[in-house]
Full PDB file with SEQRES, HELIX, SHEET, SSBOND, CRYST1, ORIGX, SCALE, CONECT and MASTER records, all heavy atoms in Angstrom:
SEQRES   1 A   30  LEU SER ALA SER GLU ARG ARG VAL VAL HIS LEU THR LEU          
SEQRES   2 A   30  SER GLY ASP GLU ARG ILE GLU THR GLU SER MET GLY GLU          
SEQRES   3 A   30  ALA LEU LEU ALA                                              
HELIX    1 AA1 ALA A    3  LEU A   13  1                                  11    
SHEET    1 AA1 2 GLU A  22  MET A  24  0                                        
SHEET    2 AA1 2 ALA A  27  LEU A  29 -1                                        
CRYST1    1.000    1.000    1.000  90.00  90.00  90.00 P 1           1          
ORIGX1      1.000000  0.000000  0.000000        0.00000                         
ORIGX2      0.000000  1.000000  0.000000        0.00000                         
ORIGX3      0.000000  0.000000  1.000000        0.00000                         
SCALE1      1.000000  0.000000  0.000000        0.00000                         
SCALE2      0.000000  1.000000  0.000000        0.00000                         
SCALE3      0.000000  0.000000  1.000000        0.00000                         
ATOM      1  N   LEU A   1     109.514-164.470 -30.547  1.00  0.00           N  
ATOM      2  CA  LEU A   1     109.721-165.171 -31.806  1.00  0.00           C  
ATOM      3  C   LEU A   1     108.376-165.610 -32.356  1.00  0.00           C  
ATOM      4  O   LEU A   1     107.496-166.038 -31.603  1.00  0.00           O  
ATOM      5  CB  LEU A   1     110.607-166.402 -31.607  1.00  0.00           C  
ATOM      6  CG  LEU A   1     112.028-166.161 -31.108  1.00  0.00           C  
ATOM      7  CD1 LEU A   1     112.706-167.496 -30.850  1.00  0.00           C  
ATOM      8  CD2 LEU A   1     112.817-165.341 -32.095  1.00  0.00           C  
ATOM      9  N   SER A   2     108.222-165.534 -33.654  1.00  0.00           N  
ATOM     10  CA  SER A   2     107.002-166.040 -34.281  1.00  0.00           C  
ATOM     11  C   SER A   2     107.033-167.566 -34.259  1.00  0.00           C  
ATOM     12  O   SER A   2     108.068-168.179 -33.979  1.00  0.00           O  
ATOM     13  CB  SER A   2     106.898-165.548 -35.727  1.00  0.00           C  
ATOM     14  OG  SER A   2     107.893-166.168 -36.522  1.00  0.00           O  
ATOM     15  N   ALA A   3     105.920-168.172 -34.548  1.00  0.00           N  
ATOM     16  CA  ALA A   3     105.848-169.636 -34.562  1.00  0.00           C  
ATOM     17  C   ALA A   3     106.850-170.231 -35.547  1.00  0.00           C  
ATOM     18  O   ALA A   3     107.516-171.225 -35.246  1.00  0.00           O  
ATOM     19  CB  ALA A   3     104.431-170.092 -34.903  1.00  0.00           C  
ATOM     20  N   SER A   4     106.975-169.637 -36.719  1.00  0.00           N  
ATOM     21  CA  SER A   4     107.924-170.178 -37.709  1.00  0.00           C  
ATOM     22  C   SER A   4     109.368-169.990 -37.253  1.00  0.00           C  
ATOM     23  O   SER A   4     110.220-170.835 -37.511  1.00  0.00           O  
ATOM     24  CB  SER A   4     107.698-169.536 -39.072  1.00  0.00           C  
ATOM     25  OG  SER A   4     107.929-168.146 -39.025  1.00  0.00           O  
ATOM     26  N   GLU A   5     109.649-168.907 -36.531  1.00  0.00           N  
ATOM     27  CA  GLU A   5     111.002-168.688 -36.014  1.00  0.00           C  
ATOM     28  C   GLU A   5     111.310-169.669 -34.888  1.00  0.00           C  
ATOM     29  O   GLU A   5     112.417-170.214 -34.823  1.00  0.00           O  
ATOM     30  CB  GLU A   5     111.154-167.248 -35.530  1.00  0.00           C  
ATOM     31  CG  GLU A   5     111.133-166.236 -36.646  1.00  0.00           C  
ATOM     32  CD  GLU A   5     111.121-164.805 -36.156  1.00  0.00           C  
ATOM     33  OE1 GLU A   5     110.590-164.528 -35.057  1.00  0.00           O  
ATOM     34  OE2 GLU A   5     111.649-163.944 -36.892  1.00  0.00           O  
ATOM     35  N   ARG A   6     110.334-169.920 -34.010  1.00  0.00           N  
ATOM     36  CA  ARG A   6     110.535-170.909 -32.943  1.00  0.00           C  
ATOM     37  C   ARG A   6     110.787-172.292 -33.543  1.00  0.00           C  
ATOM     38  O   ARG A   6     111.613-173.056 -33.048  1.00  0.00           O  
ATOM     39  CB  ARG A   6     109.321-170.946 -32.004  1.00  0.00           C  
ATOM     40  CG  ARG A   6     109.211-169.713 -31.126  1.00  0.00           C  
ATOM     41  CD  ARG A   6     108.193-169.878 -30.013  1.00  0.00           C  
ATOM     42  NE  ARG A   6     106.875-170.275 -30.467  1.00  0.00           N  
ATOM     43  CZ  ARG A   6     105.921-169.440 -30.853  1.00  0.00           C  
ATOM     44  NH1 ARG A   6     106.148-168.136 -30.860  1.00  0.00           N  
ATOM     45  NH2 ARG A   6     104.748-169.898 -31.242  1.00  0.00           N  
ATOM     46  N   ARG A   7     110.113-172.598 -34.635  1.00  0.00           N  
ATOM     47  CA  ARG A   7     110.308-173.888 -35.307  1.00  0.00           C  
ATOM     48  C   ARG A   7     111.750-174.034 -35.791  1.00  0.00           C  
ATOM     49  O   ARG A   7     112.351-175.107 -35.662  1.00  0.00           O  
ATOM     50  CB  ARG A   7     109.329-174.029 -36.473  1.00  0.00           C  
ATOM     51  CG  ARG A   7     109.412-175.357 -37.187  1.00  0.00           C  
ATOM     52  CD  ARG A   7     108.351-175.467 -38.294  1.00  0.00           C  
ATOM     53  NE  ARG A   7     108.360-176.766 -38.896  1.00  0.00           N  
ATOM     54  CZ  ARG A   7     109.208-177.153 -39.860  1.00  0.00           C  
ATOM     55  NH1 ARG A   7     110.097-176.316 -40.330  1.00  0.00           N  
ATOM     56  NH2 ARG A   7     109.146-178.372 -40.354  1.00  0.00           N  
ATOM     57  N   VAL A   8     112.302-172.972 -36.355  1.00  0.00           N  
ATOM     58  CA  VAL A   8     113.697-173.008 -36.824  1.00  0.00           C  
ATOM     59  C   VAL A   8     114.629-173.307 -35.653  1.00  0.00           C  
ATOM     60  O   VAL A   8     115.546-174.131 -35.758  1.00  0.00           O  
ATOM     61  CB  VAL A   8     114.088-171.680 -37.514  1.00  0.00           C  
ATOM     62  CG1 VAL A   8     115.584-171.615 -37.775  1.00  0.00           C  
ATOM     63  CG2 VAL A   8     113.312-171.495 -38.804  1.00  0.00           C  
ATOM     64  N   VAL A   9     114.390-172.663 -34.511  1.00  0.00           N  
ATOM     65  CA  VAL A   9     115.234-172.884 -33.335  1.00  0.00           C  
ATOM     66  C   VAL A   9     115.082-174.321 -32.845  1.00  0.00           C  
ATOM     67  O   VAL A   9     116.085-174.992 -32.556  1.00  0.00           O  
ATOM     68  CB  VAL A   9     114.900-171.867 -32.225  1.00  0.00           C  
ATOM     69  CG1 VAL A   9     115.671-172.196 -30.946  1.00  0.00           C  
ATOM     70  CG2 VAL A   9     115.200-170.448 -32.685  1.00  0.00           C  
ATOM     71  N   HIS A  10     113.845-174.805 -32.734  1.00  0.00           N  
ATOM     72  CA  HIS A  10     113.619-176.191 -32.312  1.00  0.00           C  
ATOM     73  C   HIS A  10     114.352-177.164 -33.224  1.00  0.00           C  
ATOM     74  O   HIS A  10     115.035-178.076 -32.760  1.00  0.00           O  
ATOM     75  CB  HIS A  10     112.125-176.542 -32.334  1.00  0.00           C  
ATOM     76  CG  HIS A  10     111.338-176.021 -31.185  1.00  0.00           C  
ATOM     77  ND1 HIS A  10     111.574-176.363 -29.873  1.00  0.00           N  
ATOM     78  CD2 HIS A  10     110.273-175.183 -31.147  1.00  0.00           C  
ATOM     79  CE1 HIS A  10     110.712-175.773 -29.095  1.00  0.00           C  
ATOM     80  NE2 HIS A  10     109.911-175.041 -29.842  1.00  0.00           N  
ATOM     81  N   LEU A  11     114.227-176.988 -34.534  1.00  0.00           N  
ATOM     82  CA  LEU A  11     114.867-177.893 -35.485  1.00  0.00           C  
ATOM     83  C   LEU A  11     116.388-177.803 -35.410  1.00  0.00           C  
ATOM     84  O   LEU A  11     117.083-178.812 -35.525  1.00  0.00           O  
ATOM     85  CB  LEU A  11     114.389-177.600 -36.904  1.00  0.00           C  
ATOM     86  CG  LEU A  11     112.933-177.969 -37.191  1.00  0.00           C  
ATOM     87  CD1 LEU A  11     112.528-177.484 -38.590  1.00  0.00           C  
ATOM     88  CD2 LEU A  11     112.717-179.464 -37.060  1.00  0.00           C  
ATOM     89  N   THR A  12     116.906-176.602 -35.221  1.00  0.00           N  
ATOM     90  CA  THR A  12     118.354-176.410 -35.135  1.00  0.00           C  
ATOM     91  C   THR A  12     118.933-177.160 -33.947  1.00  0.00           C  
ATOM     92  O   THR A  12     119.992-177.782 -34.056  1.00  0.00           O  
ATOM     93  CB  THR A  12     118.692-174.914 -35.029  1.00  0.00           C  
ATOM     94  OG1 THR A  12     118.207-174.243 -36.196  1.00  0.00           O  
ATOM     95  CG2 THR A  12     120.193-174.685 -34.898  1.00  0.00           C  
ATOM     96  N   LEU A  13     118.233-177.132 -32.824  1.00  0.00           N  
ATOM     97  CA  LEU A  13     118.762-177.737 -31.600  1.00  0.00           C  
ATOM     98  C   LEU A  13     118.304-179.177 -31.391  1.00  0.00           C  
ATOM     99  O   LEU A  13     118.754-179.833 -30.454  1.00  0.00           O  
ATOM    100  CB  LEU A  13     118.373-176.881 -30.393  1.00  0.00           C  
ATOM    101  CG  LEU A  13     118.935-175.459 -30.401  1.00  0.00           C  
ATOM    102  CD1 LEU A  13     118.462-174.688 -29.184  1.00  0.00           C  
ATOM    103  CD2 LEU A  13     120.457-175.470 -30.485  1.00  0.00           C  
ATOM    104  N   SER A  14     117.446-179.673 -32.252  1.00  0.00           N  
ATOM    105  CA  SER A  14     116.902-181.025 -32.064  1.00  0.00           C  
ATOM    106  C   SER A  14     117.965-182.112 -32.150  1.00  0.00           C  
ATOM    107  O   SER A  14     117.805-183.179 -31.559  1.00  0.00           O  
ATOM    108  CB  SER A  14     115.787-181.306 -33.069  1.00  0.00           C  
ATOM    109  OG  SER A  14     116.310-181.359 -34.388  1.00  0.00           O  
ATOM    110  N   GLY A  15     119.050-181.874 -32.839  1.00  0.00           N  
ATOM    111  CA  GLY A  15     120.092-182.875 -32.976  1.00  0.00           C  
ATOM    112  C   GLY A  15     121.061-182.918 -31.810  1.00  0.00           C  
ATOM    113  O   GLY A  15     121.868-183.833 -31.704  1.00  0.00           O  
ATOM    114  N   ASP A  16     120.975-181.942 -30.906  1.00  0.00           N  
ATOM    115  CA  ASP A  16     121.880-181.884 -29.760  1.00  0.00           C  
ATOM    116  C   ASP A  16     121.185-182.514 -28.555  1.00  0.00           C  
ATOM    117  O   ASP A  16     120.263-181.934 -27.986  1.00  0.00           O  
ATOM    118  CB  ASP A  16     122.251-180.424 -29.458  1.00  0.00           C  
ATOM    119  CG  ASP A  16     123.371-180.313 -28.441  1.00  0.00           C  
ATOM    120  OD1 ASP A  16     123.573-181.257 -27.647  1.00  0.00           O  
ATOM    121  OD2 ASP A  16     124.037-179.268 -28.435  1.00  0.00           O  
ATOM    122  N   GLU A  17     121.624-183.701 -28.159  1.00  0.00           N  
ATOM    123  CA  GLU A  17     120.981-184.436 -27.073  1.00  0.00           C  
ATOM    124  C   GLU A  17     121.171-183.765 -25.716  1.00  0.00           C  
ATOM    125  O   GLU A  17     120.466-184.078 -24.762  1.00  0.00           O  
ATOM    126  CB  GLU A  17     121.496-185.870 -27.024  1.00  0.00           C  
ATOM    127  CG  GLU A  17     121.126-186.668 -28.258  1.00  0.00           C  
ATOM    128  CD  GLU A  17     121.725-188.056 -28.256  1.00  0.00           C  
ATOM    129  OE1 GLU A  17     122.476-188.396 -27.321  1.00  0.00           O  
ATOM    130  OE2 GLU A  17     121.455-188.796 -29.217  1.00  0.00           O  
ATOM    131  N   ARG A  18     122.107-182.828 -25.620  1.00  0.00           N  
ATOM    132  CA  ARG A  18     122.358-182.144 -24.345  1.00  0.00           C  
ATOM    133  C   ARG A  18     121.373-181.016 -24.087  1.00  0.00           C  
ATOM    134  O   ARG A  18     121.270-180.518 -22.987  1.00  0.00           O  
ATOM    135  CB  ARG A  18     123.777-181.555 -24.329  1.00  0.00           C  
ATOM    136  CG  ARG A  18     124.870-182.593 -24.578  1.00  0.00           C  
ATOM    137  CD  ARG A  18     126.199-181.927 -24.805  1.00  0.00           C  
ATOM    138  NE  ARG A  18     126.092-181.052 -25.978  1.00  0.00           N  
ATOM    139  CZ  ARG A  18     126.927-180.050 -26.239  1.00  0.00           C  
ATOM    140  NH1 ARG A  18     127.933-179.796 -25.437  1.00  0.00           N  
ATOM    141  NH2 ARG A  18     126.765-179.300 -27.316  1.00  0.00           N  
ATOM    142  N   ILE A  19     120.631-180.620 -25.131  1.00  0.00           N  
ATOM    143  CA  ILE A  19     119.746-179.454 -25.056  1.00  0.00           C  
ATOM    144  C   ILE A  19     118.305-179.860 -25.284  1.00  0.00           C  
ATOM    145  O   ILE A  19     118.011-180.674 -26.154  1.00  0.00           O  
ATOM    146  CB  ILE A  19     120.152-178.393 -26.110  1.00  0.00           C  
ATOM    147  CG1 ILE A  19     121.549-177.872 -25.844  1.00  0.00           C  
ATOM    148  CG2 ILE A  19     119.155-177.249 -26.167  1.00  0.00           C  
ATOM    149  CD1 ILE A  19     121.680-177.070 -24.575  1.00  0.00           C  
ATOM    150  N   GLU A  20     117.408-179.265 -24.503  1.00  0.00           N  
ATOM    151  CA  GLU A  20     115.974-179.403 -24.724  1.00  0.00           C  
ATOM    152  C   GLU A  20     115.407-178.017 -24.973  1.00  0.00           C  
ATOM    153  O   GLU A  20     115.917-177.030 -24.447  1.00  0.00           O  
ATOM    154  CB  GLU A  20     115.296-180.025 -23.501  1.00  0.00           C  
ATOM    155  CG  GLU A  20     115.699-181.466 -23.268  1.00  0.00           C  
ATOM    156  CD  GLU A  20     114.962-182.090 -22.109  1.00  0.00           C  
ATOM    157  OE1 GLU A  20     113.800-181.714 -21.880  1.00  0.00           O  
ATOM    158  OE2 GLU A  20     115.556-182.942 -21.455  1.00  0.00           O  
ATOM    159  N   THR A  21     114.368-177.948 -25.787  1.00  0.00           N  
ATOM    160  CA  THR A  21     113.710-176.675 -26.054  1.00  0.00           C  
ATOM    161  C   THR A  21     112.235-176.798 -25.715  1.00  0.00           C  
ATOM    162  O   THR A  21     111.663-177.890 -25.784  1.00  0.00           O  
ATOM    163  CB  THR A  21     113.861-176.241 -27.525  1.00  0.00           C  
ATOM    164  OG1 THR A  21     113.293-177.245 -28.368  1.00  0.00           O  
ATOM    165  CG2 THR A  21     115.316-176.011 -27.893  1.00  0.00           C  
ATOM    166  N   GLU A  22     111.651-175.674 -25.333  1.00  0.00           N  
ATOM    167  CA  GLU A  22     110.242-175.650 -24.973  1.00  0.00           C  
ATOM    168  C   GLU A  22     109.664-174.295 -25.340  1.00  0.00           C  
ATOM    169  O   GLU A  22     110.212-173.257 -24.958  1.00  0.00           O  
ATOM    170  CB  GLU A  22     110.100-175.885 -23.474  1.00  0.00           C  
ATOM    171  CG  GLU A  22     108.688-175.850 -22.976  1.00  0.00           C  
ATOM    172  CD  GLU A  22     108.623-176.075 -21.477  1.00  0.00           C  
ATOM    173  OE1 GLU A  22     109.638-176.406 -20.847  1.00  0.00           O  
ATOM    174  OE2 GLU A  22     107.527-175.908 -20.943  1.00  0.00           O  
ATOM    175  N   SER A  23     108.574-174.283 -26.081  1.00  0.00           N  
ATOM    176  CA  SER A  23     107.887-173.040 -26.425  1.00  0.00           C  
ATOM    177  C   SER A  23     106.914-172.679 -25.319  1.00  0.00           C  
ATOM    178  O   SER A  23     106.205-173.540 -24.796  1.00  0.00           O  
ATOM    179  CB  SER A  23     107.116-173.185 -27.740  1.00  0.00           C  
ATOM    180  OG  SER A  23     108.008-173.274 -28.815  1.00  0.00           O  
ATOM    181  N   MET A  24     106.907-171.400 -24.982  1.00  0.00           N  
ATOM    182  CA  MET A  24     105.976-170.875 -23.983  1.00  0.00           C  
ATOM    183  C   MET A  24     105.432-169.561 -24.521  1.00  0.00           C  
ATOM    184  O   MET A  24     106.108-168.531 -24.421  1.00  0.00           O  
ATOM    185  CB  MET A  24     106.677-170.659 -22.646  1.00  0.00           C  
ATOM    186  CG  MET A  24     107.264-171.929 -22.055  1.00  0.00           C  
ATOM    187  SD  MET A  24     108.045-171.654 -20.489  1.00  0.00           S  
ATOM    188  CE  MET A  24     106.599-171.467 -19.463  1.00  0.00           C  
ATOM    189  N   GLY A  25     104.260-169.598 -25.132  1.00  0.00           N  
ATOM    190  CA  GLY A  25     103.708-168.392 -25.750  1.00  0.00           C  
ATOM    191  C   GLY A  25     104.571-167.988 -26.925  1.00  0.00           C  
ATOM    192  O   GLY A  25     104.828-168.782 -27.812  1.00  0.00           O  
ATOM    193  N   GLU A  26     105.056-166.740 -26.904  1.00  0.00           N  
ATOM    194  CA  GLU A  26     105.930-166.263 -27.975  1.00  0.00           C  
ATOM    195  C   GLU A  26     107.400-166.428 -27.632  1.00  0.00           C  
ATOM    196  O   GLU A  26     108.270-166.018 -28.384  1.00  0.00           O  
ATOM    197  CB  GLU A  26     105.622-164.800 -28.282  1.00  0.00           C  
ATOM    198  CG  GLU A  26     104.263-164.599 -28.905  1.00  0.00           C  
ATOM    199  CD  GLU A  26     103.996-163.150 -29.258  1.00  0.00           C  
ATOM    200  OE1 GLU A  26     104.873-162.302 -29.049  1.00  0.00           O  
ATOM    201  OE2 GLU A  26     102.895-162.866 -29.743  1.00  0.00           O  
ATOM    202  N   ALA A  27     107.691-167.017 -26.474  1.00  0.00           N  
ATOM    203  CA  ALA A  27     109.074-167.219 -26.042  1.00  0.00           C  
ATOM    204  C   ALA A  27     109.464-168.674 -26.225  1.00  0.00           C  
ATOM    205  O   ALA A  27     108.614-169.560 -26.363  1.00  0.00           O  
ATOM    206  CB  ALA A  27     109.239-166.816 -24.587  1.00  0.00           C  
ATOM    207  N   LEU A  28     110.754-168.905 -26.204  1.00  0.00           N  
ATOM    208  CA  LEU A  28     111.284-170.255 -26.322  1.00  0.00           C  
ATOM    209  C   LEU A  28     112.371-170.400 -25.281  1.00  0.00           C  
ATOM    210  O   LEU A  28     113.191-169.500 -25.109  1.00  0.00           O  
ATOM    211  CB  LEU A  28     111.843-170.466 -27.727  1.00  0.00           C  
ATOM    212  CG  LEU A  28     112.363-171.864 -27.986  1.00  0.00           C  
ATOM    213  CD1 LEU A  28     111.817-172.374 -29.299  1.00  0.00           C  
ATOM    214  CD2 LEU A  28     113.847-171.886 -27.989  1.00  0.00           C  
ATOM    215  N   LEU A  29     112.382-171.513 -24.566  1.00  0.00           N  
ATOM    216  CA  LEU A  29     113.427-171.792 -23.584  1.00  0.00           C  
ATOM    217  C   LEU A  29     114.343-172.873 -24.116  1.00  0.00           C  
ATOM    218  O   LEU A  29     113.883-173.881 -24.643  1.00  0.00           O  
ATOM    219  CB  LEU A  29     112.817-172.275 -22.269  1.00  0.00           C  
ATOM    220  CG  LEU A  29     111.982-171.295 -21.480  1.00  0.00           C  
ATOM    221  CD1 LEU A  29     111.408-171.988 -20.248  1.00  0.00           C  
ATOM    222  CD2 LEU A  29     112.775-170.075 -21.095  1.00  0.00           C  
ATOM    223  N   ALA A  30     115.632-172.654 -23.977  1.00  0.00           N  
ATOM    224  CA  ALA A  30     116.631-173.674 -24.288  1.00  0.00           C  
ATOM    225  C   ALA A  30     117.339-173.978 -22.989  1.00  0.00           C  
ATOM    226  O   ALA A  30     117.766-173.069 -22.275  1.00  0.00           O  
ATOM    227  CB  ALA A  30     117.625-173.160 -25.326  1.00  0.00           C  
TER     228      ALA A  30                                                      
MASTER        0    0    0    1    2    0    0    6  227    1    0    3          
END                                                                             
């Protein structure tokens, strides 16, 4: 995912307290 795409994912999941996200290079972990 590009940086802007990772940002969309982070923002989408930021409201869910059960989920954490972490960027690692070009990948993102949920």
